[in-house]
Each structure stands twice: as C-alpha cells, then as structure tokens.
Amino acid sequence: MSGTVVESKPRNSTQLAPRWKVIVHDDPVTTFDFVLGVLRRVFAKPPGEARRITREAHDTGSALVDVLALEQAEFRRDQAHSLARAEGFPLTLTLEPAD
C-alpha cells in the first residue's frame, strides 16, 4: 500500500444571490421633494446622496438608486410605488440585472 493521501476540494461553495439594479425614472408629475423622501425613507440614503440621485434622474431621465438581492430590490421598489400611489404620484422604479 502506498502512503499517498489525496486531498479533495470541498464541494460546498457559497454563491452569492444575483444582484439587481434599482433604477428611478423621472416623470413630469412626481415632485423632487417626494422622490428625495422616498430615497431617504425606503432606501436609507443620506440627504446628499438622495439629492444627487434625484438630480441625476431629473437631468438624464433615470438614475441608479441601489444594487440589491432580488427580494430586497422588489420589496423596496414595491414600497416606493405604494407610497407614491397613495399620494397620487406615478413614480416609477425598475429593476435590471446587475451583470
């Protein structure tokens, strides 16, 4: 018998959940202040970052809000939409794969 020991690599490798981009879209009805509030309340963005994201969406038509696991992205998008609809705003956030 040989005294050779064969080591195998563990087969259990942890994979991260796919990430999704949350994108906010500009519209002519939803107010700047309302979007700021949603970004602060739903996405916990600090004031300066919320203002930058809102300004970018206003100037270019859309802006990246966050990159999250799908369940979190869907949950926060749905929260934002619920808050907006309750106030009569058509605020739209969409999700895209983060590659």
PDB file of N, CA and C in Angstrom:
ATOM      1  N   MET A   1       0.826  -1.184   0.000  1.00  0.00           N
ATOM      2  CA  MET A   1       0.000   0.000   0.000  1.00  0.00           C
ATOM      3  C   MET A   1       0.864   1.239   0.000  1.00  0.00           C
ATOM      4  N   SER A   2       0.380   2.180  -0.696  1.00  0.00           N
ATOM      5  CA  SER A   2       1.115   3.430  -0.773  1.00  0.00           C
ATOM      6  C   SER A   2       0.642   4.357   0.335  1.00  0.00           C
ATOM      7  N   GLY A   3       1.479   5.224   0.770  1.00  0.00           N
ATOM      8  CA  GLY A   3       1.134   6.162   1.826  1.00  0.00           C
ATOM      9  C   GLY A   3       0.673   7.507   1.274  1.00  0.00           C
ATOM     10  N   THR A   4       0.187   7.505   0.019  1.00  0.00           N
ATOM     11  CA  THR A   4      -0.249   8.748  -0.613  1.00  0.00           C
ATOM     12  C   THR A   4      -1.641   9.135  -0.119  1.00  0.00           C
ATOM     13  N   VAL A   5      -1.770  10.375   0.269  1.00  0.00           N
ATOM     14  CA  VAL A   5      -3.065  10.907   0.705  1.00  0.00           C
ATOM     15  C   VAL A   5      -3.558  11.870  -0.370  1.00  0.00           C
ATOM     16  N   VAL A   6      -4.773  11.658  -0.807  1.00  0.00           N
ATOM     17  CA  VAL A   6      -5.355  12.539  -1.810  1.00  0.00           C
ATOM     18  C   VAL A   6      -6.321  13.482  -1.106  1.00  0.00           C
ATOM     19  N   GLU A   7      -6.064  14.756  -1.258  1.00  0.00           N
ATOM     20  CA  GLU A   7      -6.962  15.744  -0.667  1.00  0.00           C
ATOM     21  C   GLU A   7      -7.930  16.227  -1.730  1.00  0.00           C
ATOM     22  N   SER A   8      -9.168  16.310  -1.345  1.00  0.00           N
ATOM     23  CA  SER A   8     -10.162  16.813  -2.299  1.00  0.00           C
ATOM     24  C   SER A   8     -10.622  18.195  -1.853  1.00  0.00           C
ATOM     25  N   LYS A   9     -11.029  18.954  -2.826  1.00  0.00           N
ATOM     26  CA  LYS A   9     -11.543  20.290  -2.528  1.00  0.00           C
ATOM     27  C   LYS A   9     -12.989  20.161  -2.075  1.00  0.00           C
ATOM     28  N   PRO A  10     -13.389  20.954  -1.118  1.00  0.00           N
ATOM     29  CA  PRO A  10     -14.785  20.886  -0.682  1.00  0.00           C
ATOM     30  C   PRO A  10     -15.718  21.255  -1.829  1.00  0.00           C
ATOM     31  N   ARG A  11     -16.817  20.544  -1.899  1.00  0.00           N
ATOM     32  CA  ARG A  11     -17.779  20.790  -2.979  1.00  0.00           C
ATOM     33  C   ARG A  11     -18.799  21.855  -2.613  1.00  0.00           C
ATOM     34  N   ASN A  12     -18.878  22.179  -1.369  1.00  0.00           N
ATOM     35  CA  ASN A  12     -19.847  23.188  -0.936  1.00  0.00           C
ATOM     36  C   ASN A  12     -19.231  24.570  -1.061  1.00  0.00           C
ATOM     37  N   SER A  13     -19.532  25.234  -2.152  1.00  0.00           N
ATOM     38  CA  SER A  13     -19.062  26.608  -2.285  1.00  0.00           C
ATOM     39  C   SER A  13     -20.267  27.531  -2.183  1.00  0.00           C
ATOM     40  N   THR A  14     -20.071  28.592  -1.479  1.00  0.00           N
ATOM     41  CA  THR A  14     -21.148  29.541  -1.277  1.00  0.00           C
ATOM     42  C   THR A  14     -21.239  30.451  -2.494  1.00  0.00           C
ATOM     43  N   GLN A  15     -22.438  30.595  -3.022  1.00  0.00           N
ATOM     44  CA  GLN A  15     -22.653  31.510  -4.143  1.00  0.00           C
ATOM     45  C   GLN A  15     -23.532  32.654  -3.669  1.00  0.00           C
ATOM     46  N   LEU A  16     -23.174  33.826  -4.094  1.00  0.00           N
ATOM     47  CA  LEU A  16     -23.967  34.995  -3.740  1.00  0.00           C
ATOM     48  C   LEU A  16     -25.206  35.059  -4.623  1.00  0.00           C
ATOM     49  N   ALA A  17     -26.277  35.560  -4.050  1.00  0.00           N
ATOM     50  CA  ALA A  17     -27.502  35.742  -4.830  1.00  0.00           C
ATOM     51  C   ALA A  17     -27.243  36.780  -5.914  1.00  0.00           C
ATOM     52  N   PRO A  18     -27.853  36.591  -7.080  1.00  0.00           N
ATOM     53  CA  PRO A  18     -27.674  37.594  -8.135  1.00  0.00           C
ATOM     54  C   PRO A  18     -28.132  38.967  -7.653  1.00  0.00           C
ATOM     55  N   ARG A  19     -27.459  39.981  -8.112  1.00  0.00           N
ATOM     56  CA  ARG A  19     -27.757  41.342  -7.693  1.00  0.00           C
ATOM     57  C   ARG A  19     -28.558  42.044  -8.785  1.00  0.00           C
ATOM     58  N   TRP A  20     -29.403  42.982  -8.353  1.00  0.00           N
ATOM     59  CA  TRP A  20     -30.267  43.725  -9.263  1.00  0.00           C
ATOM     60  C   TRP A  20     -30.125  45.211  -9.017  1.00  0.00           C
ATOM     61  N   LYS A  21     -30.071  45.971 -10.111  1.00  0.00           N
ATOM     62  CA  LYS A  21     -30.030  47.428 -10.033  1.00  0.00           C
ATOM     63  C   LYS A  21     -31.451  47.949  -9.850  1.00  0.00           C
ATOM     64  N   VAL A  22     -31.612  48.886  -8.943  1.00  0.00           N
ATOM     65  CA  VAL A  22     -32.881  49.592  -8.777  1.00  0.00           C
ATOM     66  C   VAL A  22     -32.692  50.959  -9.433  1.00  0.00           C
ATOM     67  N   ILE A  23     -33.519  51.241 -10.438  1.00  0.00           N
ATOM     68  CA  ILE A  23     -33.412  52.472 -11.212  1.00  0.00           C
ATOM     69  C   ILE A  23     -34.649  53.328 -10.971  1.00  0.00           C
ATOM     70  N   VAL A  24     -34.450  54.606 -10.668  1.00  0.00           N
ATOM     71  CA  VAL A  24     -35.569  55.539 -10.534  1.00  0.00           C
ATOM     72  C   VAL A  24     -35.668  56.332 -11.837  1.00  0.00           C
ATOM     73  N   HIS A  25     -36.909  56.547 -12.283  1.00  0.00           N
ATOM     74  CA  HIS A  25     -37.160  57.245 -13.546  1.00  0.00           C
ATOM     75  C   HIS A  25     -37.842  58.581 -13.283  1.00  0.00           C
ATOM     76  N   ASP A  26     -37.428  59.564 -14.058  1.00  0.00           N
ATOM     77  CA  ASP A  26     -38.028  60.895 -13.955  1.00  0.00           C
ATOM     78  C   ASP A  26     -39.405  60.886 -14.608  1.00  0.00           C
ATOM     79  N   ASP A  27     -40.300  61.681 -14.082  1.00  0.00           N
ATOM     80  CA  ASP A  27     -41.598  61.893 -14.716  1.00  0.00           C
ATOM     81  C   ASP A  27     -42.004  63.337 -14.460  1.00  0.00           C
ATOM     82  N   PRO A  28     -42.969  63.840 -15.216  1.00  0.00           N
ATOM     83  CA  PRO A  28     -43.323  65.257 -15.079  1.00  0.00           C
ATOM     84  C   PRO A  28     -44.253  65.571 -13.903  1.00  0.00           C
ATOM     85  N   VAL A  29     -44.649  64.566 -13.122  1.00  0.00           N
ATOM     86  CA  VAL A  29     -45.637  64.784 -12.063  1.00  0.00           C
ATOM     87  C   VAL A  29     -45.043  64.649 -10.657  1.00  0.00           C
ATOM     88  N   THR A  30     -44.275  63.597 -10.422  1.00  0.00           N
ATOM     89  CA  THR A  30     -43.736  63.338  -9.088  1.00  0.00           C
ATOM     90  C   THR A  30     -42.774  64.454  -8.694  1.00  0.00           C
ATOM     91  N   THR A  31     -42.965  65.005  -7.517  1.00  0.00           N
ATOM     92  CA  THR A  31     -42.137  66.137  -7.095  1.00  0.00           C
ATOM     93  C   THR A  31     -40.737  65.696  -6.669  1.00  0.00           C
ATOM     94  N   PHE A  32     -39.814  66.619  -6.823  1.00  0.00           N
ATOM     95  CA  PHE A  32     -38.424  66.407  -6.421  1.00  0.00           C
ATOM     96  C   PHE A  32     -38.372  66.029  -4.944  1.00  0.00           C
ATOM     97  N   ASP A  33     -39.094  66.772  -4.116  1.00  0.00           N
ATOM     98  CA  ASP A  33     -39.091  66.518  -2.669  1.00  0.00           C
ATOM     99  C   ASP A  33     -39.657  65.147  -2.323  1.00  0.00           C
ATOM    100  N   PHE A  34     -40.679  64.710  -3.062  1.00  0.00           N
ATOM    101  CA  PHE A  34     -41.244  63.397  -2.788  1.00  0.00           C
ATOM    102  C   PHE A  34     -40.217  62.303  -3.094  1.00  0.00           C
ATOM    103  N   VAL A  35     -39.531  62.423  -4.220  1.00  0.00           N
ATOM    104  CA  VAL A  35     -38.504  61.430  -4.574  1.00  0.00           C
ATOM    105  C   VAL A  35     -37.402  61.424  -3.518  1.00  0.00           C
ATOM    106  N   LEU A  36     -36.976  62.601  -3.085  1.00  0.00           N
ATOM    107  CA  LEU A  36     -35.971  62.686  -2.015  1.00  0.00           C
ATOM    108  C   LEU A  36     -36.433  61.901  -0.783  1.00  0.00           C
ATOM    109  N   GLY A  37     -37.672  62.117  -0.391  1.00  0.00           N
ATOM    110  CA  GLY A  37     -38.216  61.435   0.783  1.00  0.00           C
ATOM    111  C   GLY A  37     -38.251  59.927   0.621  1.00  0.00           C
ATOM    112  N   VAL A  38     -38.630  59.461  -0.552  1.00  0.00           N
ATOM    113  CA  VAL A  38     -38.670  58.011  -0.813  1.00  0.00           C
ATOM    114  C   VAL A  38     -37.263  57.429  -0.732  1.00  0.00           C
ATOM    115  N   LEU A  39     -36.304  58.100  -1.321  1.00  0.00           N
ATOM    116  CA  LEU A  39     -34.927  57.591  -1.290  1.00  0.00           C
ATOM    117  C   LEU A  39     -34.389  57.545   0.137  1.00  0.00           C
ATOM    118  N   ARG A  40     -34.755  58.515   0.932  1.00  0.00           N
ATOM    119  CA  ARG A  40     -34.298  58.544   2.328  1.00  0.00           C
ATOM    120  C   ARG A  40     -35.033  57.492   3.158  1.00  0.00           C
ATOM    121  N   ARG A  41     -36.347  57.422   2.993  1.00  0.00           N
ATOM    122  CA  ARG A  41     -37.165  56.539   3.835  1.00  0.00           C
ATOM    123  C   ARG A  41     -37.051  55.061   3.437  1.00  0.00           C
ATOM    124  N   VAL A  42     -37.168  54.784   2.156  1.00  0.00           N
ATOM    125  CA  VAL A  42     -37.211  53.394   1.691  1.00  0.00           C
ATOM    126  C   VAL A  42     -35.805  52.827   1.485  1.00  0.00           C
ATOM    127  N   PHE A  43     -34.888  53.649   0.975  1.00  0.00           N
ATOM    128  CA  PHE A  43     -33.550  53.159   0.652  1.00  0.00           C
ATOM    129  C   PHE A  43     -32.480  53.622   1.636  1.00  0.00           C
ATOM    130  N   ALA A  44     -32.883  54.363   2.676  1.00  0.00           N
ATOM    131  CA  ALA A  44     -31.977  54.837   3.732  1.00  0.00           C
ATOM    132  C   ALA A  44     -30.779  55.610   3.182  1.00  0.00           C
ATOM    133  N   LYS A  45     -31.038  56.419   2.158  1.00  0.00           N
ATOM    134  CA  LYS A  45     -29.969  57.237   1.579  1.00  0.00           C
ATOM    135  C   LYS A  45     -29.774  58.494   2.417  1.00  0.00           C
ATOM    136  N   PRO A  46     -28.531  58.871   2.655  1.00  0.00           N
ATOM    137  CA  PRO A  46     -28.288  60.142   3.350  1.00  0.00           C
ATOM    138  C   PRO A  46     -28.745  61.304   2.460  1.00  0.00           C
ATOM    139  N   PRO A  47     -29.010  62.461   3.062  1.00  0.00           N
ATOM    140  CA  PRO A  47     -29.561  63.588   2.302  1.00  0.00           C
ATOM    141  C   PRO A  47     -28.789  63.954   1.034  1.00  0.00           C
ATOM    142  N   GLY A  48     -27.484  64.034   1.120  1.00  0.00           N
ATOM    143  CA  GLY A  48     -26.687  64.425  -0.047  1.00  0.00           C
ATOM    144  C   GLY A  48     -26.774  63.417  -1.180  1.00  0.00           C
ATOM    145  N   GLU A  49     -26.727  62.149  -0.841  1.00  0.00           N
ATOM    146  CA  GLU A  49     -26.813  61.107  -1.867  1.00  0.00           C
ATOM    147  C   GLU A  49     -28.212  61.069  -2.481  1.00  0.00           C
ATOM    148  N   ALA A  50     -29.230  61.221  -1.654  1.00  0.00           N
ATOM    149  CA  ALA A  50     -30.606  61.245  -2.163  1.00  0.00           C
ATOM    150  C   ALA A  50     -30.782  62.407  -3.140  1.00  0.00           C
ATOM    151  N   ARG A  51     -30.220  63.552  -2.801  1.00  0.00           N
ATOM    152  CA  ARG A  51     -30.322  64.730  -3.675  1.00  0.00           C
ATOM    153  C   ARG A  51     -29.574  64.494  -4.989  1.00  0.00           C
ATOM    154  N   ARG A  52     -28.400  63.891  -4.921  1.00  0.00           N
ATOM    155  CA  ARG A  52     -27.618  63.613  -6.134  1.00  0.00           C
ATOM    156  C   ARG A  52     -28.370  62.662  -7.064  1.00  0.00           C
ATOM    157  N   ILE A  53     -28.941  61.587  -6.500  1.00  0.00           N
ATOM    158  CA  ILE A  53     -29.680  60.604  -7.300  1.00  0.00           C
ATOM    159  C   ILE A  53     -30.907  61.254  -7.930  1.00  0.00           C
ATOM    160  N   THR A  54     -31.635  62.035  -7.146  1.00  0.00           N
ATOM    161  CA  THR A  54     -32.838  62.692  -7.651  1.00  0.00           C
ATOM    162  C   THR A  54     -32.483  63.678  -8.759  1.00  0.00           C
ATOM    163  N   ARG A  55     -31.426  64.435  -8.578  1.00  0.00           N
ATOM    164  CA  ARG A  55     -30.984  65.402  -9.591  1.00  0.00           C
ATOM    165  C   ARG A  55     -30.572  64.678 -10.871  1.00  0.00           C
ATOM    166  N   GLU A  56     -29.839  63.573 -10.733  1.00  0.00           N
ATOM    167  CA  GLU A  56     -29.416  62.808 -11.915  1.00  0.00           C
ATOM    168  C   GLU A  56     -30.634  62.283 -12.687  1.00  0.00           C
ATOM    169  N   ALA A  57     -31.615  61.743 -11.964  1.00  0.00           N
ATOM    170  CA  ALA A  57     -32.825  61.246 -12.625  1.00  0.00           C
ATOM    171  C   ALA A  57     -33.540  62.393 -13.332  1.00  0.00           C
ATOM    172  N   HIS A  58     -33.617  63.546 -12.692  1.00  0.00           N
ATOM    173  CA  HIS A  58     -34.281  64.705 -13.282  1.00  0.00           C
ATOM    174  C   HIS A  58     -33.548  65.177 -14.541  1.00  0.00           C
ATOM    175  N   ASP A  59     -32.228  65.200 -14.481  1.00  0.00           N
ATOM    176  CA  ASP A  59     -31.425  65.724 -15.594  1.00  0.00           C
ATOM    177  C   ASP A  59     -31.284  64.740 -16.756  1.00  0.00           C
ATOM    178  N   THR A  60     -31.211  63.445 -16.457  1.00  0.00           N
ATOM    179  CA  THR A  60     -30.911  62.461 -17.513  1.00  0.00           C
ATOM    180  C   THR A  60     -32.069  61.511 -17.817  1.00  0.00           C
ATOM    181  N   GLY A  61     -33.100  61.516 -16.982  1.00  0.00           N
ATOM    182  CA  GLY A  61     -34.240  60.633 -17.212  1.00  0.00           C
ATOM    183  C   GLY A  61     -34.294  59.428 -16.295  1.00  0.00           C
ATOM    184  N   SER A  62     -33.133  59.030 -15.744  1.00  0.00           N
ATOM    185  CA  SER A  62     -33.109  57.907 -14.795  1.00  0.00           C
ATOM    186  C   SER A  62     -31.799  57.934 -14.020  1.00  0.00           C
ATOM    187  N   ALA A  63     -31.792  57.194 -12.898  1.00  0.00           N
ATOM    188  CA  ALA A  63     -30.575  57.138 -12.080  1.00  0.00           C
ATOM    189  C   ALA A  63     -30.566  55.840 -11.277  1.00  0.00           C
ATOM    190  N   LEU A  64     -29.372  55.335 -11.037  1.00  0.00           N
ATOM    191  CA  LEU A  64     -29.188  54.150 -10.199  1.00  0.00           C
ATOM    192  C   LEU A  64     -29.409  54.525  -8.741  1.00  0.00           C
ATOM    193  N   VAL A  65     -30.294  53.784  -8.079  1.00  0.00           N
ATOM    194  CA  VAL A  65     -30.573  54.029  -6.661  1.00  0.00           C
ATOM    195  C   VAL A  65     -29.734  53.105  -5.798  1.00  0.00           C
ATOM    196  N   ASP A  66     -29.724  51.809  -6.139  1.00  0.00           N
ATOM    197  CA  ASP A  66     -29.038  50.822  -5.310  1.00  0.00           C
ATOM    198  C   ASP A  66     -28.859  49.541  -6.108  1.00  0.00           C
ATOM    199  N   VAL A  67     -28.013  48.649  -5.612  1.00  0.00           N
ATOM    200  CA  VAL A  67     -27.849  47.311  -6.174  1.00  0.00           C
ATOM    201  C   VAL A  67     -28.079  46.338  -5.033  1.00  0.00           C
ATOM    202  N   LEU A  68     -29.097  45.478  -5.185  1.00  0.00           N
ATOM    203  CA  LEU A  68     -29.554  44.622  -4.090  1.00  0.00           C
ATOM    204  C   LEU A  68     -29.876  43.224  -4.583  1.00  0.00           C
ATOM    205  N   ALA A  69     -30.016  42.302  -3.639  1.00  0.00           N
ATOM    206  CA  ALA A  69     -30.545  40.976  -3.963  1.00  0.00           C
ATOM    207  C   ALA A  69     -31.977  41.170  -4.467  1.00  0.00           C
ATOM    208  N   LEU A  70     -32.448  40.266  -5.316  1.00  0.00           N
ATOM    209  CA  LEU A  70     -33.744  40.427  -5.963  1.00  0.00           C
ATOM    210  C   LEU A  70     -34.884  40.661  -4.983  1.00  0.00           C
ATOM    211  N   GLU A  71     -34.973  39.870  -3.927  1.00  0.00           N
ATOM    212  CA  GLU A  71     -36.086  40.037  -2.970  1.00  0.00           C
ATOM    213  C   GLU A  71     -36.085  41.428  -2.343  1.00  0.00           C
ATOM    214  N   GLN A  72     -34.916  41.917  -1.963  1.00  0.00           N
ATOM    215  CA  GLN A  72     -34.818  43.255  -1.368  1.00  0.00           C
ATOM    216  C   GLN A  72     -35.157  44.328  -2.393  1.00  0.00           C
ATOM    217  N   ALA A  73     -34.660  44.154  -3.616  1.00  0.00           N
ATOM    218  CA  ALA A  73     -34.936  45.122  -4.672  1.00  0.00           C
ATOM    219  C   ALA A  73     -36.434  45.197  -4.957  1.00  0.00           C
ATOM    220  N   GLU A  74     -37.082  44.051  -5.064  1.00  0.00           N
ATOM    221  CA  GLU A  74     -38.530  44.020  -5.322  1.00  0.00           C
ATOM    222  C   GLU A  74     -39.304  44.632  -4.159  1.00  0.00           C
ATOM    223  N   PHE A  75     -38.901  44.292  -2.943  1.00  0.00           N
ATOM    224  CA  PHE A  75     -39.585  44.801  -1.755  1.00  0.00           C
ATOM    225  C   PHE A  75     -39.518  46.328  -1.691  1.00  0.00           C
ATOM    226  N   ARG A  76     -38.330  46.869  -1.884  1.00  0.00           N
ATOM    227  CA  ARG A  76     -38.163  48.323  -1.797  1.00  0.00           C
ATOM    228  C   ARG A  76     -38.841  49.043  -2.964  1.00  0.00           C
ATOM    229  N   ARG A  77     -38.754  48.462  -4.157  1.00  0.00           N
ATOM    230  CA  ARG A  77     -39.469  49.049  -5.295  1.00  0.00           C
ATOM    231  C   ARG A  77     -40.969  49.116  -4.999  1.00  0.00           C
ATOM    232  N   ASP A  78     -41.513  48.005  -4.499  1.00  0.00           N
ATOM    233  CA  ASP A  78     -42.944  47.950  -4.199  1.00  0.00           C
ATOM    234  C   ASP A  78     -43.328  48.935  -3.094  1.00  0.00           C
ATOM    235  N   GLN A  79     -42.469  49.094  -2.094  1.00  0.00           N
ATOM    236  CA  GLN A  79     -42.718  50.082  -1.036  1.00  0.00           C
ATOM    237  C   GLN A  79     -42.786  51.486  -1.624  1.00  0.00           C
ATOM    238  N   ALA A  80     -41.824  51.803  -2.471  1.00  0.00           N
ATOM    239  CA  ALA A  80     -41.776  53.130  -3.088  1.00  0.00           C
ATOM    240  C   ALA A  80     -43.018  53.375  -3.938  1.00  0.00           C
ATOM    241  N   HIS A  81     -43.405  52.378  -4.720  1.00  0.00           N
ATOM    242  CA  HIS A  81     -44.602  52.527  -5.558  1.00  0.00           C
ATOM    243  C   HIS A  81     -45.850  52.722  -4.695  1.00  0.00           C
ATOM    244  N   SER A  82     -45.957  51.980  -3.598  1.00  0.00           N
ATOM    245  CA  SER A  82     -47.120  52.119  -2.711  1.00  0.00           C
ATOM    246  C   SER A  82     -47.197  53.521  -2.120  1.00  0.00           C
ATOM    247  N   LEU A  83     -46.071  54.033  -1.645  1.00  0.00           N
ATOM    248  CA  LEU A  83     -46.046  55.386  -1.092  1.00  0.00           C
ATOM    249  C   LEU A  83     -46.444  56.409  -2.157  1.00  0.00           C
ATOM    250  N   ALA A  84     -45.920  56.233  -3.361  1.00  0.00           N
ATOM    251  CA  ALA A  84     -46.209  57.175  -4.440  1.00  0.00           C
ATOM    252  C   ALA A  84     -47.682  57.137  -4.836  1.00  0.00           C
ATOM    253  N   ARG A  85     -48.233  55.948  -4.992  1.00  0.00           N
ATOM    254  CA  ARG A  85     -49.635  55.833  -5.419  1.00  0.00           C
ATOM    255  C   ARG A  85     -50.573  56.423  -4.371  1.00  0.00           C
ATOM    256  N   ALA A  86     -50.225  56.253  -3.098  1.00  0.00           N
ATOM    257  CA  ALA A  86     -51.048  56.799  -2.020  1.00  0.00           C
ATOM    258  C   ALA A  86     -51.103  58.329  -2.090  1.00  0.00           C
ATOM    259  N   GLU A  87     -50.066  58.946  -2.660  1.00  0.00           N
ATOM    260  CA  GLU A  87     -50.012  60.406  -2.796  1.00  0.00           C
ATOM    261  C   GLU A  87     -50.409  60.869  -4.197  1.00  0.00           C
ATOM    262  N   GLY A  88     -50.776  59.928  -5.063  1.00  0.00           N
ATOM    263  CA  GLY A  88     -51.196  60.286  -6.419  1.00  0.00           C
ATOM    264  C   GLY A  88     -50.052  60.527  -7.391  1.00  0.00           C
ATOM    265  N   PHE A  89     -48.851  60.037  -7.078  1.00  0.00           N
ATOM    266  CA  PHE A  89     -47.689  60.219  -7.954  1.00  0.00           C
ATOM    267  C   PHE A  89     -47.435  58.959  -8.777  1.00  0.00           C
ATOM    268  N   PRO A  90     -47.012  59.126 -10.039  1.00  0.00           N
ATOM    269  CA  PRO A  90     -46.713  57.971 -10.884  1.00  0.00           C
ATOM    270  C   PRO A  90     -45.244  57.527 -10.808  1.00  0.00           C
ATOM    271  N   LEU A  91     -44.561  57.825  -9.729  1.00  0.00           N
ATOM    272  CA  LEU A  91     -43.158  57.460  -9.567  1.00  0.00           C
ATOM    273  C   LEU A  91     -42.924  56.019 -10.030  1.00  0.00           C
ATOM    274  N   THR A  92     -41.872  55.831 -10.835  1.00  0.00           N
ATOM    275  CA  THR A  92     -41.556  54.505 -11.342  1.00  0.00           C
ATOM    276  C   THR A  92     -40.119  54.139 -11.020  1.00  0.00           C
ATOM    277  N   LEU A  93     -39.970  52.952 -10.437  1.00  0.00           N
ATOM    278  CA  LEU A  93     -38.662  52.352 -10.240  1.00  0.00           C
ATOM    279  C   LEU A  93     -38.674  51.020 -10.969  1.00  0.00           C
ATOM    280  N   THR A  94     -37.578  50.713 -11.653  1.00  0.00           N
ATOM    281  CA  THR A  94     -37.486  49.438 -12.354  1.00  0.00           C
ATOM    282  C   THR A  94     -36.259  48.692 -11.872  1.00  0.00           C
ATOM    283  N   LEU A  95     -36.221  47.392 -12.202  1.00  0.00           N
ATOM    284  CA  LEU A  95     -35.106  46.531 -11.823  1.00  0.00           C
ATOM    285  C   LEU A  95     -34.411  46.012 -13.081  1.00  0.00           C
ATOM    286  N   GLU A  96     -33.089  45.943 -13.014  1.00  0.00           N
ATOM    287  CA  GLU A  96     -32.292  45.392 -14.102  1.00  0.00           C
ATOM    288  C   GLU A  96     -31.224  44.490 -13.495  1.00  0.00           C
ATOM    289  N   PRO A  97     -30.881  43.397 -14.162  1.00  0.00           N
ATOM    290  CA  PRO A  97     -29.776  42.565 -13.659  1.00  0.00           C
ATOM    291  C   PRO A  97     -28.495  43.399 -13.552  1.00  0.00           C
ATOM    292  N   ALA A  98     -27.723  43.143 -12.527  1.00  0.00           N
ATOM    293  CA  ALA A  98     -26.500  43.925 -12.314  1.00  0.00           C
ATOM    294  C   ALA A  98     -25.281  43.308 -12.993  1.00  0.00           C
ATOM    295  N   ASP A  99     -25.477  42.324 -13.826  1.00  0.00           N
ATOM    296  CA  ASP A  99     -24.391  41.643 -14.543  1.00  0.00           C
ATOM    297  C   ASP A  99     -23.448  41.018 -13.594  1.00  0.00           C
TER     298      ASP A  99
END
